[in-house]
């Protein structure tokens, strides 16, 4: 399954109320490192379908969500389980490390 575009309108349904863990990718179109990690995040979205979700949050379009999570640098990757942040990392990360965050 492809990554889901997360907005303030679907955040509660897709992230907070999710039965499976959710990997969130906070990004922006002008961010070079974000463009580097994006294909990896998309790969992971396809691989973990059924056991986890992957969502992308554009910090320029969703400033409210970025502020809620105190995003200071992008890309920021976060895993939300049962409505709580269980892991986070800033910057480009190797695929193995991102998968480890999800513990899939």
PDB file of N, CA and C in Angstrom:
ATOM      1  N   UNK A   1       0.851  -1.185   0.000  1.00  0.00           N
ATOM      2  CA  UNK A   1       0.000   0.000   0.000  1.00  0.00           C
ATOM      3  C   UNK A   1       0.891   1.241   0.000  1.00  0.00           C
ATOM      4  N   UNK A   2       0.503   2.216  -0.752  1.00  0.00           N
ATOM      5  CA  UNK A   2       1.288   3.450  -0.827  1.00  0.00           C
ATOM      6  C   UNK A   2       1.163   4.245   0.469  1.00  0.00           C
ATOM      7  N   UNK A   3       2.086   5.150   0.657  1.00  0.00           N
ATOM      8  CA  UNK A   3       2.035   6.033   1.820  1.00  0.00           C
ATOM      9  C   UNK A   3       0.788   6.912   1.731  1.00  0.00           C
ATOM     10  N   UNK A   4       0.218   7.196   2.880  1.00  0.00           N
ATOM     11  CA  UNK A   4      -0.998   8.003   2.977  1.00  0.00           C
ATOM     12  C   UNK A   4      -0.606   9.458   3.209  1.00  0.00           C
ATOM     13  N   UNK A   5      -1.280  10.360   2.534  1.00  0.00           N
ATOM     14  CA  UNK A   5      -1.064  11.790   2.799  1.00  0.00           C
ATOM     15  C   UNK A   5      -1.841  12.122   4.075  1.00  0.00           C
ATOM     16  N   UNK A   6      -1.115  12.520   5.097  1.00  0.00           N
ATOM     17  CA  UNK A   6      -1.742  12.834   6.383  1.00  0.00           C
ATOM     18  C   UNK A   6      -1.968  14.338   6.476  1.00  0.00           C
ATOM     19  N   UNK A   7      -3.186  14.707   6.849  1.00  0.00           N
ATOM     20  CA  UNK A   7      -3.549  16.108   7.052  1.00  0.00           C
ATOM     21  C   UNK A   7      -4.193  16.231   8.424  1.00  0.00           C
ATOM     22  N   UNK A   8      -4.439  17.462   8.848  1.00  0.00           N
ATOM     23  CA  UNK A   8      -5.097  17.642  10.141  1.00  0.00           C
ATOM     24  C   UNK A   8      -6.506  17.037  10.123  1.00  0.00           C
ATOM     25  N   UNK A   9      -7.080  16.880   8.926  1.00  0.00           N
ATOM     26  CA  UNK A   9      -8.434  16.348   8.807  1.00  0.00           C
ATOM     27  C   UNK A   9      -8.496  14.831   8.972  1.00  0.00           C
ATOM     28  N   UNK A  10      -7.456  14.102   8.540  1.00  0.00           N
ATOM     29  CA  UNK A  10      -7.494  12.639   8.668  1.00  0.00           C
ATOM     30  C   UNK A  10      -6.523  12.113   9.729  1.00  0.00           C
ATOM     31  N   UNK A  11      -5.823  13.004  10.425  1.00  0.00           N
ATOM     32  CA  UNK A  11      -4.803  12.602  11.394  1.00  0.00           C
ATOM     33  C   UNK A  11      -5.363  11.689  12.485  1.00  0.00           C
ATOM     34  N   UNK A  12      -6.458  12.080  13.072  1.00  0.00           N
ATOM     35  CA  UNK A  12      -7.019  11.275  14.171  1.00  0.00           C
ATOM     36  C   UNK A  12      -7.390   9.877  13.689  1.00  0.00           C
ATOM     37  N   UNK A  13      -8.089   9.794  12.564  1.00  0.00           N
ATOM     38  CA  UNK A  13      -8.529   8.507  12.018  1.00  0.00           C
ATOM     39  C   UNK A  13      -7.331   7.636  11.606  1.00  0.00           C
ATOM     40  N   UNK A  14      -6.398   8.208  10.827  1.00  0.00           N
ATOM     41  CA  UNK A  14      -5.311   7.417  10.249  1.00  0.00           C
ATOM     42  C   UNK A  14      -4.159   7.140  11.224  1.00  0.00           C
ATOM     43  N   UNK A  15      -3.933   8.033  12.186  1.00  0.00           N
ATOM     44  CA  UNK A  15      -2.776   7.889  13.070  1.00  0.00           C
ATOM     45  C   UNK A  15      -3.189   7.545  14.502  1.00  0.00           C
ATOM     46  N   UNK A  16      -3.929   8.425  15.135  1.00  0.00           N
ATOM     47  CA  UNK A  16      -4.271   8.210  16.547  1.00  0.00           C
ATOM     48  C   UNK A  16      -5.144   6.976  16.773  1.00  0.00           C
ATOM     49  N   UNK A  17      -6.072   6.717  15.861  1.00  0.00           N
ATOM     50  CA  UNK A  17      -6.979   5.576  16.025  1.00  0.00           C
ATOM     51  C   UNK A  17      -6.527   4.332  15.275  1.00  0.00           C
ATOM     52  N   UNK A  18      -5.315   4.341  14.744  1.00  0.00           N
ATOM     53  CA  UNK A  18      -4.808   3.198  13.974  1.00  0.00           C
ATOM     54  C   UNK A  18      -4.531   2.009  14.895  1.00  0.00           C
ATOM     55  N   UNK A  19      -4.942   0.835  14.450  1.00  0.00           N
ATOM     56  CA  UNK A  19      -4.666  -0.385  15.217  1.00  0.00           C
ATOM     57  C   UNK A  19      -3.220  -0.847  15.046  1.00  0.00           C
ATOM     58  N   UNK A  20      -2.602  -0.450  13.913  1.00  0.00           N
ATOM     59  CA  UNK A  20      -1.214  -0.826  13.680  1.00  0.00           C
ATOM     60  C   UNK A  20      -0.310   0.391  13.856  1.00  0.00           C
ATOM     61  N   UNK A  21       0.997   0.166  14.036  1.00  0.00           N
ATOM     62  CA  UNK A  21       1.920   1.303  14.155  1.00  0.00           C
ATOM     63  C   UNK A  21       1.926   2.130  12.874  1.00  0.00           C
ATOM     64  N   UNK A  22       2.201   3.429  13.023  1.00  0.00           N
ATOM     65  CA  UNK A  22       2.223   4.338  11.874  1.00  0.00           C
ATOM     66  C   UNK A  22       3.571   5.040  11.822  1.00  0.00           C
ATOM     67  N   UNK A  23       4.262   4.883  10.685  1.00  0.00           N
ATOM     68  CA  UNK A  23       5.496   5.623  10.435  1.00  0.00           C
ATOM     69  C   UNK A  23       5.105   6.935   9.769  1.00  0.00           C
ATOM     70  N   UNK A  24       5.479   8.045  10.402  1.00  0.00           N
ATOM     71  CA  UNK A  24       5.194   9.363   9.838  1.00  0.00           C
ATOM     72  C   UNK A  24       6.473   9.968   9.286  1.00  0.00           C
ATOM     73  N   UNK A  25       6.390  10.491   8.075  1.00  0.00           N
ATOM     74  CA  UNK A  25       7.508  11.162   7.421  1.00  0.00           C
ATOM     75  C   UNK A  25       7.137  12.640   7.298  1.00  0.00           C
ATOM     76  N   UNK A  26       7.778  13.486   8.109  1.00  0.00           N
ATOM     77  CA  UNK A  26       7.576  14.935   8.018  1.00  0.00           C
ATOM     78  C   UNK A  26       8.561  15.450   6.980  1.00  0.00           C
ATOM     79  N   UNK A  27       8.069  16.109   5.927  1.00  0.00           N
ATOM     80  CA  UNK A  27       8.903  16.489   4.796  1.00  0.00           C
ATOM     81  C   UNK A  27       8.438  17.800   4.172  1.00  0.00           C
ATOM     82  N   UNK A  28       9.197  18.291   3.202  1.00  0.00           N
ATOM     83  CA  UNK A  28       8.807  19.439   2.373  1.00  0.00           C
ATOM     84  C   UNK A  28       9.425  19.261   0.988  1.00  0.00           C
ATOM     85  N   UNK A  29       8.768  19.823  -0.019  1.00  0.00           N
ATOM     86  CA  UNK A  29       9.222  19.629  -1.399  1.00  0.00           C
ATOM     87  C   UNK A  29      10.584  20.265  -1.663  1.00  0.00           C
ATOM     88  N   UNK A  30      10.942  21.307  -0.937  1.00  0.00           N
ATOM     89  CA  UNK A  30      12.204  22.023  -1.154  1.00  0.00           C
ATOM     90  C   UNK A  30      13.376  21.382  -0.410  1.00  0.00           C
ATOM     91  N   UNK A  31      13.133  20.339   0.348  1.00  0.00           N
ATOM     92  CA  UNK A  31      14.143  19.723   1.219  1.00  0.00           C
ATOM     93  C   UNK A  31      14.865  18.581   0.492  1.00  0.00           C
ATOM     94  N   UNK A  32      16.162  18.788   0.208  1.00  0.00           N
ATOM     95  CA  UNK A  32      16.956  17.764  -0.486  1.00  0.00           C
ATOM     96  C   UNK A  32      17.009  16.438   0.250  1.00  0.00           C
ATOM     97  N   UNK A  33      17.354  16.424   1.548  1.00  0.00           N
ATOM     98  CA  UNK A  33      17.377  15.161   2.285  1.00  0.00           C
ATOM     99  C   UNK A  33      16.010  14.462   2.309  1.00  0.00           C
ATOM    100  N   UNK A  34      14.933  15.253   2.305  1.00  0.00           N
ATOM    101  CA  UNK A  34      13.585  14.656   2.267  1.00  0.00           C
ATOM    102  C   UNK A  34      13.389  13.882   0.968  1.00  0.00           C
ATOM    103  N   UNK A  35      13.874  14.468  -0.127  1.00  0.00           N
ATOM    104  CA  UNK A  35      13.762  13.794  -1.427  1.00  0.00           C
ATOM    105  C   UNK A  35      14.621  12.531  -1.462  1.00  0.00           C
ATOM    106  N   UNK A  36      15.723  12.531  -0.695  1.00  0.00           N
ATOM    107  CA  UNK A  36      16.588  11.345  -0.649  1.00  0.00           C
ATOM    108  C   UNK A  36      15.918  10.190   0.105  1.00  0.00           C
ATOM    109  N   UNK A  37      15.225  10.480   1.186  1.00  0.00           N
ATOM    110  CA  UNK A  37      14.636   9.424   2.014  1.00  0.00           C
ATOM    111  C   UNK A  37      13.251   8.989   1.500  1.00  0.00           C
ATOM    112  N   UNK A  38      12.613   9.822   0.691  1.00  0.00           N
ATOM    113  CA  UNK A  38      11.253   9.544   0.221  1.00  0.00           C
ATOM    114  C   UNK A  38      11.096   8.191  -0.496  1.00  0.00           C
ATOM    115  N   UNK A  39      11.993   7.817  -1.436  1.00  0.00           N
ATOM    116  CA  UNK A  39      11.832   6.504  -2.089  1.00  0.00           C
ATOM    117  C   UNK A  39      11.928   5.348  -1.091  1.00  0.00           C
ATOM    118  N   UNK A  40      12.770   5.483  -0.081  1.00  0.00           N
ATOM    119  CA  UNK A  40      12.907   4.445   0.942  1.00  0.00           C
ATOM    120  C   UNK A  40      11.614   4.328   1.740  1.00  0.00           C
ATOM    121  N   UNK A  41      11.041   5.467   2.102  1.00  0.00           N
ATOM    122  CA  UNK A  41       9.778   5.477   2.851  1.00  0.00           C
ATOM    123  C   UNK A  41       8.675   4.833   2.006  1.00  0.00           C
ATOM    124  N   UNK A  42       8.650   5.123   0.704  1.00  0.00           N
ATOM    125  CA  UNK A  42       7.650   4.519  -0.187  1.00  0.00           C
ATOM    126  C   UNK A  42       7.833   3.003  -0.272  1.00  0.00           C
ATOM    127  N   UNK A  43       9.080   2.544  -0.351  1.00  0.00           N
ATOM    128  CA  UNK A  43       9.365   1.095  -0.361  1.00  0.00           C
ATOM    129  C   UNK A  43       8.834   0.440   0.902  1.00  0.00           C
ATOM    130  N   UNK A  44       9.123   1.070   2.034  1.00  0.00           N
ATOM    131  CA  UNK A  44       8.682   0.528   3.319  1.00  0.00           C
ATOM    132  C   UNK A  44       7.157   0.474   3.375  1.00  0.00           C
ATOM    133  N   UNK A  45       6.492   1.498   2.838  1.00  0.00           N
ATOM    134  CA  UNK A  45       5.019   1.520   2.819  1.00  0.00           C
ATOM    135  C   UNK A  45       4.474   0.281   2.127  1.00  0.00           C
ATOM    136  N   UNK A  46       5.095  -0.121   1.016  1.00  0.00           N
ATOM    137  CA  UNK A  46       4.646  -1.312   0.289  1.00  0.00           C
ATOM    138  C   UNK A  46       4.980  -2.588   1.042  1.00  0.00           C
ATOM    139  N   UNK A  47       6.132  -2.625   1.699  1.00  0.00           N
ATOM    140  CA  UNK A  47       6.576  -3.838   2.390  1.00  0.00           C
ATOM    141  C   UNK A  47       5.804  -4.138   3.671  1.00  0.00           C
ATOM    142  N   UNK A  48       5.407  -3.105   4.399  1.00  0.00           N
ATOM    143  CA  UNK A  48       4.773  -3.329   5.711  1.00  0.00           C
ATOM    144  C   UNK A  48       3.248  -3.287   5.652  1.00  0.00           C
ATOM    145  N   UNK A  49       2.703  -3.168   4.450  1.00  0.00           N
ATOM    146  CA  UNK A  49       1.254  -3.112   4.291  1.00  0.00           C
ATOM    147  C   UNK A  49       0.598  -4.288   5.019  1.00  0.00           C
ATOM    148  N   UNK A  50      -0.379  -3.991   5.846  1.00  0.00           N
ATOM    149  CA  UNK A  50      -1.055  -5.035   6.609  1.00  0.00           C
ATOM    150  C   UNK A  50      -0.577  -5.128   8.045  1.00  0.00           C
ATOM    151  N   UNK A  51       0.700  -4.761   8.286  1.00  0.00           N
ATOM    152  CA  UNK A  51       1.204  -4.818   9.663  1.00  0.00           C
ATOM    153  C   UNK A  51       1.528  -3.431  10.205  1.00  0.00           C
ATOM    154  N   UNK A  52       1.613  -2.439   9.313  1.00  0.00           N
ATOM    155  CA  UNK A  52       1.884  -1.058   9.720  1.00  0.00           C
ATOM    156  C   UNK A  52       1.398  -0.131   8.608  1.00  0.00           C
ATOM    157  N   UNK A  53       1.283   1.151   8.955  1.00  0.00           N
ATOM    158  CA  UNK A  53       0.907   2.178   7.972  1.00  0.00           C
ATOM    159  C   UNK A  53       2.068   3.143   7.835  1.00  0.00           C
ATOM    160  N   UNK A  54       2.114   3.801   6.686  1.00  0.00           N
ATOM    161  CA  UNK A  54       3.103   4.854   6.470  1.00  0.00           C
ATOM    162  C   UNK A  54       2.349   6.093   6.002  1.00  0.00           C
ATOM    163  N   UNK A  55       2.637   7.212   6.672  1.00  0.00           N
ATOM    164  CA  UNK A  55       1.989   8.469   6.313  1.00  0.00           C
ATOM    165  C   UNK A  55       3.022   9.547   6.076  1.00  0.00           C
ATOM    166  N   UNK A  56       2.699  10.461   5.172  1.00  0.00           N
ATOM    167  CA  UNK A  56       3.600  11.584   4.884  1.00  0.00           C
ATOM    168  C   UNK A  56       2.890  12.881   5.237  1.00  0.00           C
ATOM    169  N   UNK A  57       3.615  13.741   5.953  1.00  0.00           N
ATOM    170  CA  UNK A  57       3.063  15.027   6.360  1.00  0.00           C
ATOM    171  C   UNK A  57       3.937  16.133   5.775  1.00  0.00           C
ATOM    172  N   UNK A  58       3.374  16.907   4.862  1.00  0.00           N
ATOM    173  CA  UNK A  58       4.083  18.042   4.275  1.00  0.00           C
ATOM    174  C   UNK A  58       4.032  19.186   5.291  1.00  0.00           C
ATOM    175  N   UNK A  59       5.189  19.557   5.831  1.00  0.00           N
ATOM    176  CA  UNK A  59       5.225  20.559   6.908  1.00  0.00           C
ATOM    177  C   UNK A  59       4.797  21.948   6.433  1.00  0.00           C
ATOM    178  N   UNK A  60       4.919  22.230   5.144  1.00  0.00           N
ATOM    179  CA  UNK A  60       4.472  23.528   4.624  1.00  0.00           C
ATOM    180  C   UNK A  60       2.952  23.593   4.559  1.00  0.00           C
ATOM    181  N   UNK A  61       2.321  22.481   4.210  1.00  0.00           N
ATOM    182  CA  UNK A  61       0.861  22.437   4.102  1.00  0.00           C
ATOM    183  C   UNK A  61       0.201  22.172   5.450  1.00  0.00           C
ATOM    184  N   UNK A  62       0.899  21.489   6.337  1.00  0.00           N
ATOM    185  CA  UNK A  62       0.327  21.077   7.625  1.00  0.00           C
ATOM    186  C   UNK A  62       1.146  21.632   8.788  1.00  0.00           C
ATOM    187  N   UNK A  63       1.280  22.952   8.809  1.00  0.00           N
ATOM    188  CA  UNK A  63       2.080  23.613   9.847  1.00  0.00           C
ATOM    189  C   UNK A  63       1.562  23.295  11.260  1.00  0.00           C
ATOM    190  N   UNK A  64       0.254  23.129  11.374  1.00  0.00           N
ATOM    191  CA  UNK A  64      -0.356  22.819  12.678  1.00  0.00           C
ATOM    192  C   UNK A  64       0.161  21.479  13.225  1.00  0.00           C
ATOM    193  N   UNK A  65       0.211  20.464  12.361  1.00  0.00           N
ATOM    194  CA  UNK A  65       0.721  19.153  12.790  1.00  0.00           C
ATOM    195  C   UNK A  65       2.218  19.222  13.084  1.00  0.00           C
ATOM    196  N   UNK A  66       2.954  19.951  12.249  1.00  0.00           N
ATOM    197  CA  UNK A  66       4.397  20.100  12.475  1.00  0.00           C
ATOM    198  C   UNK A  66       4.642  20.761  13.826  1.00  0.00           C
ATOM    199  N   UNK A  67       3.845  21.756  14.169  1.00  0.00           N
ATOM    200  CA  UNK A  67       3.993  22.444  15.454  1.00  0.00           C
ATOM    201  C   UNK A  67       3.616  21.514  16.606  1.00  0.00           C
ATOM    202  N   UNK A  68       2.559  20.730  16.417  1.00  0.00           N
ATOM    203  CA  UNK A  68       2.107  19.799  17.457  1.00  0.00           C
ATOM    204  C   UNK A  68       3.217  18.819  17.835  1.00  0.00           C
ATOM    205  N   UNK A  69       3.985  18.383  16.835  1.00  0.00           N
ATOM    206  CA  UNK A  69       5.061  17.421  17.079  1.00  0.00           C
ATOM    207  C   UNK A  69       6.416  18.105  17.270  1.00  0.00           C
ATOM    208  N   UNK A  70       6.405  19.444  17.349  1.00  0.00           N
ATOM    209  CA  UNK A  70       7.630  20.223  17.578  1.00  0.00           C
ATOM    210  C   UNK A  70       8.730  19.895  16.568  1.00  0.00           C
ATOM    211  N   UNK A  71       8.350  19.834  15.292  1.00  0.00           N
ATOM    212  CA  UNK A  71       9.298  19.523  14.225  1.00  0.00           C
ATOM    213  C   UNK A  71      10.190  20.736  13.993  1.00  0.00           C
ATOM    214  N   UNK A  72      11.489  20.561  14.230  1.00  0.00           N
ATOM    215  CA  UNK A  72      12.453  21.641  14.049  1.00  0.00           C
ATOM    216  C   UNK A  72      13.309  21.424  12.804  1.00  0.00           C
ATOM    217  N   UNK A  73      13.527  20.168  12.423  1.00  0.00           N
ATOM    218  CA  UNK A  73      14.339  19.816  11.259  1.00  0.00           C
ATOM    219  C   UNK A  73      13.621  18.734  10.472  1.00  0.00           C
ATOM    220  N   UNK A  74      13.827  18.760   9.166  1.00  0.00           N
ATOM    221  CA  UNK A  74      13.249  17.714   8.335  1.00  0.00           C
ATOM    222  C   UNK A  74      14.332  17.119   7.454  1.00  0.00           C
ATOM    223  N   UNK A  75      14.207  15.878   7.028  1.00  0.00           N
ATOM    224  CA  UNK A  75      13.098  14.992   7.339  1.00  0.00           C
ATOM    225  C   UNK A  75      13.144  14.514   8.800  1.00  0.00           C
ATOM    226  N   UNK A  76      11.965  14.393   9.383  1.00  0.00           N
ATOM    227  CA  UNK A  76      11.824  13.754  10.690  1.00  0.00           C
ATOM    228  C   UNK A  76      10.922  12.554  10.491  1.00  0.00           C
ATOM    229  N   UNK A  77      11.372  11.417  10.973  1.00  0.00           N
ATOM    230  CA  UNK A  77      10.577  10.191  10.919  1.00  0.00           C
ATOM    231  C   UNK A  77      10.138   9.866  12.339  1.00  0.00           C
ATOM    232  N   UNK A  78       8.866   9.509  12.493  1.00  0.00           N
ATOM    233  CA  UNK A  78       8.322   9.169  13.806  1.00  0.00           C
ATOM    234  C   UNK A  78       7.442   7.947  13.675  1.00  0.00           C
ATOM    235  N   UNK A  79       7.448   7.122  14.702  1.00  0.00           N
ATOM    236  CA  UNK A  79       6.533   5.995  14.745  1.00  0.00           C
ATOM    237  C   UNK A  79       5.544   6.254  15.879  1.00  0.00           C
ATOM    238  N   UNK A  80       4.258   6.163  15.550  1.00  0.00           N
ATOM    239  CA  UNK A  80       3.197   6.342  16.539  1.00  0.00           C
ATOM    240  C   UNK A  80       2.516   4.996  16.730  1.00  0.00           C
ATOM    241  N   UNK A  81       2.504   4.527  17.977  1.00  0.00           N
ATOM    242  CA  UNK A  81       1.815   3.272  18.336  1.00  0.00           C
ATOM    243  C   UNK A  81       0.832   3.593  19.451  1.00  0.00           C
ATOM    244  N   UNK A  82      -0.390   3.129  19.295  1.00  0.00           N
ATOM    245  CA  UNK A  82      -1.426   3.365  20.305  1.00  0.00           C
ATOM    246  C   UNK A  82      -1.547   4.834  20.661  1.00  0.00           C
ATOM    247  N   UNK A  83      -1.391   5.715  19.669  1.00  0.00           N
ATOM    248  CA  UNK A  83      -1.548   7.144  19.880  1.00  0.00           C
ATOM    249  C   UNK A  83      -0.361   7.847  20.515  1.00  0.00           C
ATOM    250  N   UNK A  84       0.739   7.109  20.754  1.00  0.00           N
ATOM    251  CA  UNK A  84       1.919   7.700  21.393  1.00  0.00           C
ATOM    252  C   UNK A  84       3.148   7.507  20.507  1.00  0.00           C
ATOM    253  N   UNK A  85       4.082   8.462  20.569  1.00  0.00           N
ATOM    254  CA  UNK A  85       5.322   8.355  19.805  1.00  0.00           C
ATOM    255  C   UNK A  85       6.196   7.283  20.449  1.00  0.00           C
ATOM    256  N   UNK A  86       6.573   6.284  19.671  1.00  0.00           N
ATOM    257  CA  UNK A  86       7.419   5.209  20.213  1.00  0.00           C
ATOM    258  C   UNK A  86       8.861   5.312  19.723  1.00  0.00           C
ATOM    259  N   UNK A  87       9.079   6.053  18.624  1.00  0.00           N
ATOM    260  CA  UNK A  87      10.435   6.220  18.093  1.00  0.00           C
ATOM    261  C   UNK A  87      10.451   7.438  17.187  1.00  0.00           C
ATOM    262  N   UNK A  88      11.619   8.087  17.100  1.00  0.00           N
ATOM    263  CA  UNK A  88      11.761   9.195  16.151  1.00  0.00           C
ATOM    264  C   UNK A  88      13.225   9.338  15.753  1.00  0.00           C
ATOM    265  N   UNK A  89      13.426   9.899  14.570  1.00  0.00           N
ATOM    266  CA  UNK A  89      14.773  10.119  14.050  1.00  0.00           C
ATOM    267  C   UNK A  89      14.727  11.313  13.115  1.00  0.00           C
ATOM    268  N   UNK A  90      15.782  12.110  13.142  1.00  0.00           N
ATOM    269  CA  UNK A  90      15.879  13.277  12.270  1.00  0.00           C
ATOM    270  C   UNK A  90      16.972  13.016  11.242  1.00  0.00           C
ATOM    271  N   UNK A  91      16.690  13.367   9.994  1.00  0.00           N
ATOM    272  CA  UNK A  91      17.679  13.201   8.936  1.00  0.00           C
ATOM    273  C   UNK A  91      17.474  11.923   8.152  1.00  0.00           C
ATOM    274  N   UNK A  92      18.288  11.761   7.118  1.00  0.00           N
ATOM    275  CA  UNK A  92      18.206  10.583   6.269  1.00  0.00           C
ATOM    276  C   UNK A  92      18.710   9.376   7.061  1.00  0.00           C
ATOM    277  N   UNK A  93      17.955   8.300   7.007  1.00  0.00           N
ATOM    278  CA  UNK A  93      18.308   7.070   7.713  1.00  0.00           C
ATOM    279  C   UNK A  93      18.285   5.904   6.737  1.00  0.00           C
ATOM    280  N   UNK A  94      19.137   4.882   6.985  1.00  0.00           N
ATOM    281  CA  UNK A  94      19.080   3.701   6.128  1.00  0.00           C
ATOM    282  C   UNK A  94      17.778   2.934   6.365  1.00  0.00           C
ATOM    283  N   UNK A  95      17.383   2.210   5.355  1.00  0.00           N
ATOM    284  CA  UNK A  95      16.124   1.463   5.401  1.00  0.00           C
ATOM    285  C   UNK A  95      16.049   0.542   6.621  1.00  0.00           C
ATOM    286  N   UNK A  96      17.131  -0.180   6.913  1.00  0.00           N
ATOM    287  CA  UNK A  96      17.134  -1.103   8.053  1.00  0.00           C
ATOM    288  C   UNK A  96      16.807  -0.380   9.356  1.00  0.00           C
ATOM    289  N   UNK A  97      17.377   0.805   9.508  1.00  0.00           N
ATOM    290  CA  UNK A  97      17.150   1.573  10.738  1.00  0.00           C
ATOM    291  C   UNK A  97      15.690   2.022  10.840  1.00  0.00           C
ATOM    292  N   UNK A  98      15.113   2.421   9.724  1.00  0.00           N
ATOM    293  CA  UNK A  98      13.703   2.845   9.726  1.00  0.00           C
ATOM    294  C   UNK A  98      12.812   1.653  10.054  1.00  0.00           C
ATOM    295  N   UNK A  99      13.106   0.505   9.470  1.00  0.00           N
ATOM    296  CA  UNK A  99      12.319  -0.706   9.759  1.00  0.00           C
ATOM    297  C   UNK A  99      12.438  -1.101  11.227  1.00  0.00           C
ATOM    298  N   UNK A 100      13.639  -0.939  11.795  1.00  0.00           N
ATOM    299  CA  UNK A 100      13.850  -1.242  13.218  1.00  0.00           C
ATOM    300  C   UNK A 100      12.981  -0.344  14.092  1.00  0.00           C
ATOM    301  N   UNK A 101      12.834   0.926  13.675  1.00  0.00           N
ATOM    302  CA  UNK A 101      11.965   1.844  14.421  1.00  0.00           C
ATOM    303  C   UNK A 101      10.540   1.312  14.475  1.00  0.00           C
ATOM    304  N   UNK A 102      10.103   0.717  13.375  1.00  0.00           N
ATOM    305  CA  UNK A 102       8.748   0.171  13.296  1.00  0.00           C
ATOM    306  C   UNK A 102       8.613  -1.149  14.041  1.00  0.00           C
ATOM    307  N   UNK A 103       9.722  -1.858  14.195  1.00  0.00           N
ATOM    308  CA  UNK A 103       9.727  -3.188  14.810  1.00  0.00           C
ATOM    309  C   UNK A 103       8.732  -4.124  14.152  1.00  0.00           C
ATOM    310  N   UNK A 104       8.773  -4.098  12.820  1.00  0.00           N
ATOM    311  CA  UNK A 104       7.860  -4.963  12.046  1.00  0.00           C
ATOM    312  C   UNK A 104       8.516  -6.319  11.872  1.00  0.00           C
TER     313      UNK A 104
END
